[in-house]
Amino acid sequence: MDCLSFAASLQEGFQYVKAFFVGQVKTITARNEKEASEAELEATKM
């Protein structure tokens, strides 16, 4: 395997990992925002 194709596959793998982490962060953030808005709704009801 030559150096160039190795670098290309490495870059592809990095983009995949980056996309995975970005997705995880967005999911966590969305979950936190949902919980925060639900907490605000509970607070306004009281």
PDB file of N, CA and C in Angstrom:
ATOM      1  N   MET A   1       0.847  -1.199   0.000  1.00  0.00           N
ATOM      2  CA  MET A   1       0.000   0.000   0.000  1.00  0.00           C
ATOM      3  C   MET A   1       0.884   1.252   0.000  1.00  0.00           C
ATOM      4  N   ASP A   2       0.660   2.129  -0.941  1.00  0.00           N
ATOM      5  CA  ASP A   2       1.524   3.311  -1.006  1.00  0.00           C
ATOM      6  C   ASP A   2       1.034   4.400  -0.056  1.00  0.00           C
ATOM      7  N   CYS A   3       1.884   5.365   0.143  1.00  0.00           N
ATOM      8  CA  CYS A   3       1.672   6.397   1.163  1.00  0.00           C
ATOM      9  C   CYS A   3       0.425   7.217   0.887  1.00  0.00           C
ATOM     10  N   LEU A   4       0.173   7.505  -0.398  1.00  0.00           N
ATOM     11  CA  LEU A   4      -0.924   8.401  -0.766  1.00  0.00           C
ATOM     12  C   LEU A   4      -2.280   7.768  -0.450  1.00  0.00           C
ATOM     13  N   SER A   5      -2.471   6.504  -0.814  1.00  0.00           N
ATOM     14  CA  SER A   5      -3.759   5.855  -0.559  1.00  0.00           C
ATOM     15  C   SER A   5      -3.967   5.663   0.945  1.00  0.00           C
ATOM     16  N   PHE A   6      -2.870   5.472   1.677  1.00  0.00           N
ATOM     17  CA  PHE A   6      -2.984   5.353   3.133  1.00  0.00           C
ATOM     18  C   PHE A   6      -3.455   6.678   3.733  1.00  0.00           C
ATOM     19  N   ALA A   7      -2.872   7.781   3.263  1.00  0.00           N
ATOM     20  CA  ALA A   7      -3.257   9.103   3.755  1.00  0.00           C
ATOM     21  C   ALA A   7      -4.717   9.388   3.418  1.00  0.00           C
ATOM     22  N   ALA A   8      -5.157   8.967   2.237  1.00  0.00           N
ATOM     23  CA  ALA A   8      -6.534   9.201   1.810  1.00  0.00           C
ATOM     24  C   ALA A   8      -7.512   8.430   2.698  1.00  0.00           C
ATOM     25  N   SER A   9      -7.198   7.158   2.980  1.00  0.00           N
ATOM     26  CA  SER A   9      -8.094   6.364   3.812  1.00  0.00           C
ATOM     27  C   SER A   9      -8.077   6.884   5.251  1.00  0.00           C
ATOM     28  N   LEU A  10      -6.930   7.403   5.683  1.00  0.00           N
ATOM     29  CA  LEU A  10      -6.825   7.965   7.019  1.00  0.00           C
ATOM     30  C   LEU A  10      -7.723   9.200   7.140  1.00  0.00           C
ATOM     31  N   GLN A  11      -7.696  10.031   6.098  1.00  0.00           N
ATOM     32  CA  GLN A  11      -8.504  11.244   6.087  1.00  0.00           C
ATOM     33  C   GLN A  11      -9.991  10.884   6.075  1.00  0.00           C
ATOM     34  N   GLU A  12     -10.349   9.874   5.307  1.00  0.00           N
ATOM     35  CA  GLU A  12     -11.738   9.420   5.244  1.00  0.00           C
ATOM     36  C   GLU A  12     -12.194   8.943   6.623  1.00  0.00           C
ATOM     37  N   GLY A  13     -11.331   8.177   7.270  1.00  0.00           N
ATOM     38  CA  GLY A  13     -11.655   7.680   8.602  1.00  0.00           C
ATOM     39  C   GLY A  13     -11.822   8.819   9.594  1.00  0.00           C
ATOM     40  N   PHE A  14     -10.979   9.828   9.471  1.00  0.00           N
ATOM     41  CA  PHE A  14     -11.048  10.975  10.378  1.00  0.00           C
ATOM     42  C   PHE A  14     -12.355  11.732  10.179  1.00  0.00           C
ATOM     43  N   GLN A  15     -12.770  11.904   8.923  1.00  0.00           N
ATOM     44  CA  GLN A  15     -14.026  12.600   8.646  1.00  0.00           C
ATOM     45  C   GLN A  15     -15.206  11.821   9.232  1.00  0.00           C
ATOM     46  N   TYR A  16     -15.136  10.487   9.141  1.00  0.00           N
ATOM     47  CA  TYR A  16     -16.199   9.658   9.694  1.00  0.00           C
ATOM     48  C   TYR A  16     -16.272   9.818  11.211  1.00  0.00           C
ATOM     49  N   VAL A  17     -15.111   9.776  11.861  1.00  0.00           N
ATOM     50  CA  VAL A  17     -15.055   9.923  13.316  1.00  0.00           C
ATOM     51  C   VAL A  17     -15.557  11.306  13.728  1.00  0.00           C
ATOM     52  N   LYS A  18     -15.149  12.332  12.978  1.00  0.00           N
ATOM     53  CA  LYS A  18     -15.560  13.703  13.282  1.00  0.00           C
ATOM     54  C   LYS A  18     -17.075  13.833  13.157  1.00  0.00           C
ATOM     55  N   ALA A  19     -17.641  13.269  12.078  1.00  0.00           N
ATOM     56  CA  ALA A  19     -19.084  13.322  11.877  1.00  0.00           C
ATOM     57  C   ALA A  19     -19.805  12.608  13.012  1.00  0.00           C
ATOM     58  N   PHE A  20     -19.238  11.484  13.457  1.00  0.00           N
ATOM     59  CA  PHE A  20     -19.841  10.729  14.554  1.00  0.00           C
ATOM     60  C   PHE A  20     -19.876  11.562  15.830  1.00  0.00           C
ATOM     61  N   PHE A  21     -18.744  12.216  16.148  1.00  0.00           N
ATOM     62  CA  PHE A  21     -18.684  13.015  17.368  1.00  0.00           C
ATOM     63  C   PHE A  21     -19.610  14.222  17.298  1.00  0.00           C
ATOM     64  N   VAL A  22     -19.666  14.872  16.146  1.00  0.00           N
ATOM     65  CA  VAL A  22     -20.558  16.023  15.973  1.00  0.00           C
ATOM     66  C   VAL A  22     -22.001  15.577  16.197  1.00  0.00           C
ATOM     67  N   GLY A  23     -22.353  14.412  15.660  1.00  0.00           N
ATOM     68  CA  GLY A  23     -23.698  13.876  15.849  1.00  0.00           C
ATOM     69  C   GLY A  23     -23.993  13.609  17.315  1.00  0.00           C
ATOM     70  N   GLN A  24     -23.016  13.034  18.023  1.00  0.00           N
ATOM     71  CA  GLN A  24     -23.191  12.759  19.450  1.00  0.00           C
ATOM     72  C   GLN A  24     -23.412  14.049  20.232  1.00  0.00           C
ATOM     73  N   VAL A  25     -22.605  15.050  19.943  1.00  0.00           N
ATOM     74  CA  VAL A  25     -22.711  16.330  20.657  1.00  0.00           C
ATOM     75  C   VAL A  25     -24.068  16.963  20.405  1.00  0.00           C
ATOM     76  N   LYS A  26     -24.523  16.922  19.148  1.00  0.00           N
ATOM     77  CA  LYS A  26     -25.830  17.502  18.817  1.00  0.00           C
ATOM     78  C   LYS A  26     -26.942  16.770  19.551  1.00  0.00           C
ATOM     79  N   THR A  27     -26.840  15.444  19.631  1.00  0.00           N
ATOM     80  CA  THR A  27     -27.855  14.653  20.327  1.00  0.00           C
ATOM     81  C   THR A  27     -27.890  15.008  21.806  1.00  0.00           C
ATOM     82  N   ILE A  28     -26.720  15.106  22.417  1.00  0.00           N
ATOM     83  CA  ILE A  28     -26.629  15.442  23.842  1.00  0.00           C
ATOM     84  C   ILE A  28     -27.171  16.852  24.084  1.00  0.00           C
ATOM     85  N   THR A  29     -26.788  17.788  23.232  1.00  0.00           N
ATOM     86  CA  THR A  29     -27.240  19.175  23.376  1.00  0.00           C
ATOM     87  C   THR A  29     -28.756  19.246  23.243  1.00  0.00           C
ATOM     88  N   ALA A  30     -29.304  18.555  22.255  1.00  0.00           N
ATOM     89  CA  ALA A  30     -30.746  18.566  22.033  1.00  0.00           C
ATOM     90  C   ALA A  30     -31.474  17.985  23.243  1.00  0.00           C
ATOM     91  N   ARG A  31     -30.917  16.910  23.800  1.00  0.00           N
ATOM     92  CA  ARG A  31     -31.532  16.281  24.964  1.00  0.00           C
ATOM     93  C   ARG A  31     -31.521  17.254  26.149  1.00  0.00           C
ATOM     94  N   ASN A  32     -30.397  17.932  26.341  1.00  0.00           N
ATOM     95  CA  ASN A  32     -30.293  18.890  27.440  1.00  0.00           C
ATOM     96  C   ASN A  32     -31.258  20.052  27.254  1.00  0.00           C
ATOM     97  N   GLU A  33     -31.392  20.529  26.024  1.00  0.00           N
ATOM     98  CA  GLU A  33     -32.307  21.639  25.753  1.00  0.00           C
ATOM     99  C   GLU A  33     -33.749  21.209  25.990  1.00  0.00           C
ATOM    100  N   LYS A  34     -34.072  19.967  25.615  1.00  0.00           N
ATOM    101  CA  LYS A  34     -35.422  19.458  25.828  1.00  0.00           C
ATOM    102  C   LYS A  34     -35.721  19.388  27.326  1.00  0.00           C
ATOM    103  N   GLU A  35     -34.768  18.875  28.094  1.00  0.00           N
ATOM    104  CA  GLU A  35     -34.954  18.792  29.544  1.00  0.00           C
ATOM    105  C   GLU A  35     -35.057  20.184  30.148  1.00  0.00           C
ATOM    106  N   ALA A  36     -34.262  21.120  29.655  1.00  0.00           N
ATOM    107  CA  ALA A  36     -34.285  22.482  30.181  1.00  0.00           C
ATOM    108  C   ALA A  36     -35.637  23.131  29.909  1.00  0.00           C
ATOM    109  N   SER A  37     -36.161  22.962  28.703  1.00  0.00           N
ATOM    110  CA  SER A  37     -37.443  23.577  28.383  1.00  0.00           C
ATOM    111  C   SER A  37     -38.574  22.914  29.171  1.00  0.00           C
ATOM    112  N   GLU A  38     -38.462  21.605  29.399  1.00  0.00           N
ATOM    113  CA  GLU A  38     -39.478  20.925  30.216  1.00  0.00           C
ATOM    114  C   GLU A  38     -39.418  21.429  31.664  1.00  0.00           C
ATOM    115  N   ALA A  39     -38.220  21.658  32.155  1.00  0.00           N
ATOM    116  CA  ALA A  39     -38.065  22.181  33.516  1.00  0.00           C
ATOM    117  C   ALA A  39     -38.666  23.577  33.616  1.00  0.00           C
ATOM    118  N   GLU A  40     -38.482  24.384  32.570  1.00  0.00           N
ATOM    119  CA  GLU A  40     -39.055  25.735  32.569  1.00  0.00           C
ATOM    120  C   GLU A  40     -40.563  25.664  32.571  1.00  0.00           C
ATOM    121  N   LEU A  41     -41.123  24.717  31.813  1.00  0.00           N
ATOM    122  CA  LEU A  41     -42.581  24.557  31.771  1.00  0.00           C
ATOM    123  C   LEU A  41     -43.104  24.196  33.164  1.00  0.00           C
ATOM    124  N   GLU A  42     -42.403  23.278  33.827  1.00  0.00           N
ATOM    125  CA  GLU A  42     -42.803  22.896  35.194  1.00  0.00           C
ATOM    126  C   GLU A  42     -42.740  24.100  36.125  1.00  0.00           C
ATOM    127  N   ALA A  43     -41.704  24.927  35.980  1.00  0.00           N
ATOM    128  CA  ALA A  43     -41.525  26.073  36.846  1.00  0.00           C
ATOM    129  C   ALA A  43     -42.652  27.095  36.622  1.00  0.00           C
ATOM    130  N   THR A  44     -43.063  27.279  35.364  1.00  0.00           N
ATOM    131  CA  THR A  44     -44.108  28.265  35.092  1.00  0.00           C
ATOM    132  C   THR A  44     -45.474  27.767  35.561  1.00  0.00           C
ATOM    133  N   LYS A  45     -45.665  26.456  35.594  1.00  0.00           N
ATOM    134  CA  LYS A  45     -46.944  25.891  36.051  1.00  0.00           C
ATOM    135  C   LYS A  45     -47.156  26.155  37.543  1.00  0.00           C
ATOM    136  N   MET A  46     -46.053  26.153  38.296  1.00  0.00           N
ATOM    137  CA  MET A  46     -46.158  26.270  39.756  1.00  0.00           C
ATOM    138  C   MET A  46     -46.542  27.674  40.186  1.00  0.00           C
TER     139      MET A  46
END
